[in-house]
C-alpha atoms as a PDB file:
ATOM      1  CA  UNK A   1      20.763  -4.426   5.554  1.00  0.00           C
ATOM      2  CA  UNK A   2      18.323  -4.707   2.866  1.00  0.00           C
ATOM      3  CA  UNK A   3      17.325  -7.419   1.492  1.00  0.00           C
ATOM      4  CA  UNK A   4      14.927  -9.140  -1.494  1.00  0.00           C
ATOM      5  CA  UNK A   5      11.387  -9.734  -0.733  1.00  0.00           C
ATOM      6  CA  UNK A   6       9.985 -12.939  -1.633  1.00  0.00           C
ATOM      7  CA  UNK A   7       6.474 -13.267  -1.858  1.00  0.00           C
ATOM      8  CA  UNK A   8       5.542 -16.180  -2.917  1.00  0.00           C
ATOM      9  CA  UNK A   9       7.418 -18.736  -5.843  1.00  0.00           C
ATOM     10  CA  UNK A  10       6.800 -16.691  -8.666  1.00  0.00           C
ATOM     11  CA  UNK A  11       7.728 -12.871  -7.158  1.00  0.00           C
ATOM     12  CA  UNK A  12      10.510 -11.657  -5.817  1.00  0.00           C
ATOM     13  CA  UNK A  13      11.403  -8.171  -5.248  1.00  0.00           C
ATOM     14  CA  UNK A  14      15.179  -7.381  -5.394  1.00  0.00           C
ATOM     15  CA  UNK A  15      16.916  -5.350  -2.611  1.00  0.00           C
ATOM     16  CA  UNK A  16      17.586  -2.617  -4.821  1.00  0.00           C
ATOM     17  CA  UNK A  17      13.710  -1.191  -5.905  1.00  0.00           C
ATOM     18  CA  UNK A  18      13.423  -0.493  -1.596  1.00  0.00           C
ATOM     19  CA  UNK A  19      14.012   2.677  -0.263  1.00  0.00           C
ATOM     20  CA  UNK A  20      14.674   2.163   3.510  1.00  0.00           C
ATOM     21  CA  UNK A  21      15.242   4.842   5.801  1.00  0.00           C
ATOM     22  CA  UNK A  22      15.245   5.497   9.740  1.00  0.00           C
ATOM     23  CA  UNK A  23      13.961   7.935  12.186  1.00  0.00           C
ATOM     24  CA  UNK A  24      13.133   8.285  15.654  1.00  0.00           C
ATOM     25  CA  UNK A  25      10.095   6.530  17.015  1.00  0.00           C
ATOM     26  CA  UNK A  26       7.453   8.570  18.913  1.00  0.00           C
ATOM     27  CA  UNK A  27       6.165   7.727  22.328  1.00  0.00           C
ATOM     28  CA  UNK A  28       7.887   6.001  25.279  1.00  0.00           C
ATOM     29  CA  UNK A  29      10.642   4.881  25.406  1.00  0.00           C
ATOM     30  CA  UNK A  30      13.001   6.307  28.357  1.00  0.00           C
ATOM     31  CA  UNK A  31      16.087   7.677  27.871  1.00  0.00           C
ATOM     32  CA  UNK A  32      17.026   5.859  24.374  1.00  0.00           C
ATOM     33  CA  UNK A  33      13.402   7.030  22.093  1.00  0.00           C
ATOM     34  CA  UNK A  34      15.076  10.439  21.698  1.00  0.00           C
ATOM     35  CA  UNK A  35      18.629   9.692  20.417  1.00  0.00           C
ATOM     36  CA  UNK A  36      17.837   6.031  18.292  1.00  0.00           C
ATOM     37  CA  UNK A  37      16.925   5.672  14.945  1.00  0.00           C
ATOM     38  CA  UNK A  38      14.992   3.228  15.493  1.00  0.00           C
ATOM     39  CA  UNK A  39      11.835   3.646  13.598  1.00  0.00           C
ATOM     40  CA  UNK A  40      12.124   1.848   9.547  1.00  0.00           C
ATOM     41  CA  UNK A  41      10.552   3.436   6.538  1.00  0.00           C
ATOM     42  CA  UNK A  42       9.786   1.400   3.541  1.00  0.00           C
ATOM     43  CA  UNK A  43       9.729   3.418   0.614  1.00  0.00           C
ATOM     44  CA  UNK A  44       9.017   1.559  -3.049  1.00  0.00           C
ATOM     45  CA  UNK A  45       7.636   1.929  -6.450  1.00  0.00           C
ATOM     46  CA  UNK A  46       4.671   0.272  -7.633  1.00  0.00           C
ATOM     47  CA  UNK A  47       4.381   2.059 -10.660  1.00  0.00           C
ATOM     48  CA  UNK A  48       7.417   1.253 -11.685  1.00  0.00           C
ATOM     49  CA  UNK A  49       8.555  -2.374 -10.857  1.00  0.00           C
ATOM     50  CA  UNK A  50       9.335  -4.706 -13.114  1.00  0.00           C
ATOM     51  CA  UNK A  51       9.113  -7.264 -10.743  1.00  0.00           C
ATOM     52  CA  UNK A  52       5.348  -7.562 -10.415  1.00  0.00           C
ATOM     53  CA  UNK A  53       3.393  -8.976 -12.858  1.00  0.00           C
ATOM     54  CA  UNK A  54       0.966  -6.423 -14.629  1.00  0.00           C
ATOM     55  CA  UNK A  55      -2.599  -7.986 -13.096  1.00  0.00           C
ATOM     56  CA  UNK A  56      -1.114  -8.574  -9.998  1.00  0.00           C
ATOM     57  CA  UNK A  57       0.529  -4.380 -10.285  1.00  0.00           C
ATOM     58  CA  UNK A  58      -3.546  -3.475 -11.791  1.00  0.00           C
ATOM     59  CA  UNK A  59      -5.099  -5.014  -8.265  1.00  0.00           C
ATOM     60  CA  UNK A  60      -2.538  -3.879  -5.416  1.00  0.00           C
ATOM     61  CA  UNK A  61      -2.923  -0.300  -7.667  1.00  0.00           C
ATOM     62  CA  UNK A  62      -7.007  -1.138  -7.243  1.00  0.00           C
ATOM     63  CA  UNK A  63      -6.833  -2.204  -3.625  1.00  0.00           C
ATOM     64  CA  UNK A  64      -3.994  -0.223  -2.609  1.00  0.00           C
ATOM     65  CA  UNK A  65      -4.549   2.785  -4.584  1.00  0.00           C
ATOM     66  CA  UNK A  66      -5.327   5.338  -1.688  1.00  0.00           C
ATOM     67  CA  UNK A  67      -2.317   4.340  -0.182  1.00  0.00           C
ATOM     68  CA  UNK A  68       0.204   5.241  -2.745  1.00  0.00           C
ATOM     69  CA  UNK A  69       2.029   9.044  -3.179  1.00  0.00           C
ATOM     70  CA  UNK A  70       1.622  11.248  -6.225  1.00  0.00           C
ATOM     71  CA  UNK A  71       4.998   9.216  -7.120  1.00  0.00           C
ATOM     72  CA  UNK A  72       3.165   6.018  -7.358  1.00  0.00           C
ATOM     73  CA  UNK A  73       5.113   5.066  -3.808  1.00  0.00           C
ATOM     74  CA  UNK A  74       4.009   3.096  -1.299  1.00  0.00           C
ATOM     75  CA  UNK A  75       5.343   4.375   1.873  1.00  0.00           C
ATOM     76  CA  UNK A  76       5.180   1.594   5.014  1.00  0.00           C
ATOM     77  CA  UNK A  77       6.607   2.796   8.295  1.00  0.00           C
ATOM     78  CA  UNK A  78       7.274   0.552  11.592  1.00  0.00           C
ATOM     79  CA  UNK A  79       7.472   2.020  15.248  1.00  0.00           C
ATOM     80  CA  UNK A  80       6.119  -1.092  17.127  1.00  0.00           C
ATOM     81  CA  UNK A  81       9.615  -2.840  18.231  1.00  0.00           C
ATOM     82  CA  UNK A  82      12.710  -1.106  19.881  1.00  0.00           C
ATOM     83  CA  UNK A  83      14.730  -2.339  17.079  1.00  0.00           C
ATOM     84  CA  UNK A  84      16.095  -1.421  14.205  1.00  0.00           C
ATOM     85  CA  UNK A  85      16.241  -4.892  12.304  1.00  0.00           C
ATOM     86  CA  UNK A  86      12.569  -5.981  13.820  1.00  0.00           C
ATOM     87  CA  UNK A  87      11.231  -2.873  12.444  1.00  0.00           C
ATOM     88  CA  UNK A  88      11.703  -3.001   9.221  1.00  0.00           C
ATOM     89  CA  UNK A  89      11.120  -6.976   9.223  1.00  0.00           C
ATOM     90  CA  UNK A  90       7.791  -5.710  10.315  1.00  0.00           C
ATOM     91  CA  UNK A  91       8.223  -3.557   6.939  1.00  0.00           C
ATOM     92  CA  UNK A  92       8.557  -5.932   5.074  1.00  0.00           C
ATOM     93  CA  UNK A  93       6.192  -8.613   6.298  1.00  0.00           C
ATOM     94  CA  UNK A  94       2.962  -6.127   5.819  1.00  0.00           C
ATOM     95  CA  UNK A  95       3.917  -5.518   2.383  1.00  0.00           C
ATOM     96  CA  UNK A  96       4.141  -9.206   1.552  1.00  0.00           C
ATOM     97  CA  UNK A  97       0.894  -9.576   3.091  1.00  0.00           C
ATOM     98  CA  UNK A  98      -1.217  -6.678   1.028  1.00  0.00           C
ATOM     99  CA  UNK A  99       1.020  -8.447  -1.650  1.00  0.00           C
ATOM    100  CA  UNK A 100      -0.572 -11.925  -0.972  1.00  0.00           C
ATOM    101  CA  UNK A 101      -3.899 -10.482  -0.972  1.00  0.00           C
ATOM    102  CA  UNK A 102      -4.057  -9.788  -4.221  1.00  0.00           C
ATOM    103  CA  UNK A 103      -2.015 -12.435  -5.903  1.00  0.00           C
ATOM    104  CA  UNK A 104      -4.749 -14.705  -5.848  1.00  0.00           C
ATOM    105  CA  UNK A 105      -7.133 -13.126  -8.831  1.00  0.00           C
ATOM    106  CA  UNK A 106     -10.769 -13.239  -7.199  1.00  0.00           C
ATOM    107  CA  UNK A 107     -12.870 -15.699  -7.825  1.00  0.00           C
ATOM    108  CA  UNK A 108     -16.157 -15.245 -10.762  1.00  0.00           C
ATOM    109  CA  UNK A 109     -19.393 -15.534  -9.097  1.00  0.00           C
ATOM    110  CA  UNK A 110     -21.726 -17.751 -10.411  1.00  0.00           C
ATOM    111  CA  UNK A 111     -24.915 -16.977 -10.693  1.00  0.00           C
ATOM    112  CA  UNK A 112     -27.300 -19.335  -9.015  1.00  0.00           C
ATOM    113  CA  UNK A 113     -31.223 -18.620  -8.404  1.00  0.00           C
ATOM    114  CA  UNK A 114     -33.078 -19.404  -4.933  1.00  0.00           C
ATOM    115  CA  UNK A 115     -34.515 -23.059  -5.337  1.00  0.00           C
ATOM    116  CA  UNK A 116     -38.634 -22.687  -6.065  1.00  0.00           C
ATOM    117  CA  UNK A 117     -39.084 -23.804  -2.281  1.00  0.00           C
ATOM    118  CA  UNK A 118     -37.267 -21.320  -0.775  1.00  0.00           C
ATOM    119  CA  UNK A 119     -39.176 -18.751  -3.169  1.00  0.00           C
ATOM    120  CA  UNK A 120     -42.838 -20.322  -1.223  1.00  0.00           C
ATOM    121  CA  UNK A 121     -41.403 -20.612   2.078  1.00  0.00           C
ATOM    122  CA  UNK A 122     -40.424 -16.462   2.433  1.00  0.00           C
ATOM    123  CA  UNK A 123     -43.609 -15.951   1.003  1.00  0.00           C
ATOM    124  CA  UNK A 124     -45.498 -17.760   3.183  1.00  0.00           C
ATOM    125  CA  UNK A 125     -43.481 -16.365   6.345  1.00  0.00           C
ATOM    126  CA  UNK A 126     -44.621 -12.561   4.617  1.00  0.00           C
ATOM    127  CA  UNK A 127     -47.663 -13.086   4.933  1.00  0.00           C
ATOM    128  CA  UNK A 128     -47.451 -14.322   8.128  1.00  0.00           C
ATOM    129  CA  UNK A 129     -46.178 -11.197   9.526  1.00  0.00           C
ATOM    130  CA  UNK A 130     -48.620  -9.196   7.530  1.00  0.00           C
ATOM    131  CA  UNK A 131     -51.543 -10.949   8.917  1.00  0.00           C
ATOM    132  CA  UNK A 132     -50.176 -10.465  12.351  1.00  0.00           C
ATOM    133  CA  UNK A 133     -49.182  -6.788  12.216  1.00  0.00           C
ATOM    134  CA  UNK A 134     -53.258  -6.673  10.562  1.00  0.00           C
ATOM    135  CA  UNK A 135     -54.125  -8.173  13.762  1.00  0.00           C
ATOM    136  CA  UNK A 136     -52.780  -5.455  15.519  1.00  0.00           C
ATOM    137  CA  UNK A 137     -54.685  -2.511  14.076  1.00  0.00           C
ATOM    138  CA  UNK A 138     -57.545  -3.404  15.840  1.00  0.00           C
ATOM    139  CA  UNK A 139     -60.381  -0.399  15.863  1.00  0.00           C
ATOM    140  CA  UNK A 140     -60.793   1.100  18.117  1.00  0.00           C
ATOM    141  CA  UNK A 141     -63.838   1.953  20.215  1.00  0.00           C
ATOM    142  CA  UNK A 142     -64.903   5.114  21.959  1.00  0.00           C
ATOM    143  CA  UNK A 143     -67.216   3.695  24.844  1.00  0.00           C
END
């Protein structure tokens, strides 16, 4: 039932790297819920995966490091559907979305300076607000 995960044209993770298990789902489900193992649990050792480029692995660990186990394994579970295959597909889709979010390196920020006009407008606005507040401070006379 395990299948390779195709992330994009350059990255494909073979099925042998995944550990798949099934468990009983929580929550309502009628008579079926106590006898059918429909919850899918997908395990993948990110740290040892040879099919992931080093740069992508580094970004993945940096972005999703808090979700890893002590062994460097990510665990994704799905019990949102009533069928095993749909829950397994949901696990694959979640992992694929996580990998796609770190495949592209982040764009470098280009430093820019505010224009002279925008600086002047900001200072004038601050000056107007200051004068407005000073007018409110009128002294109180004891009459």
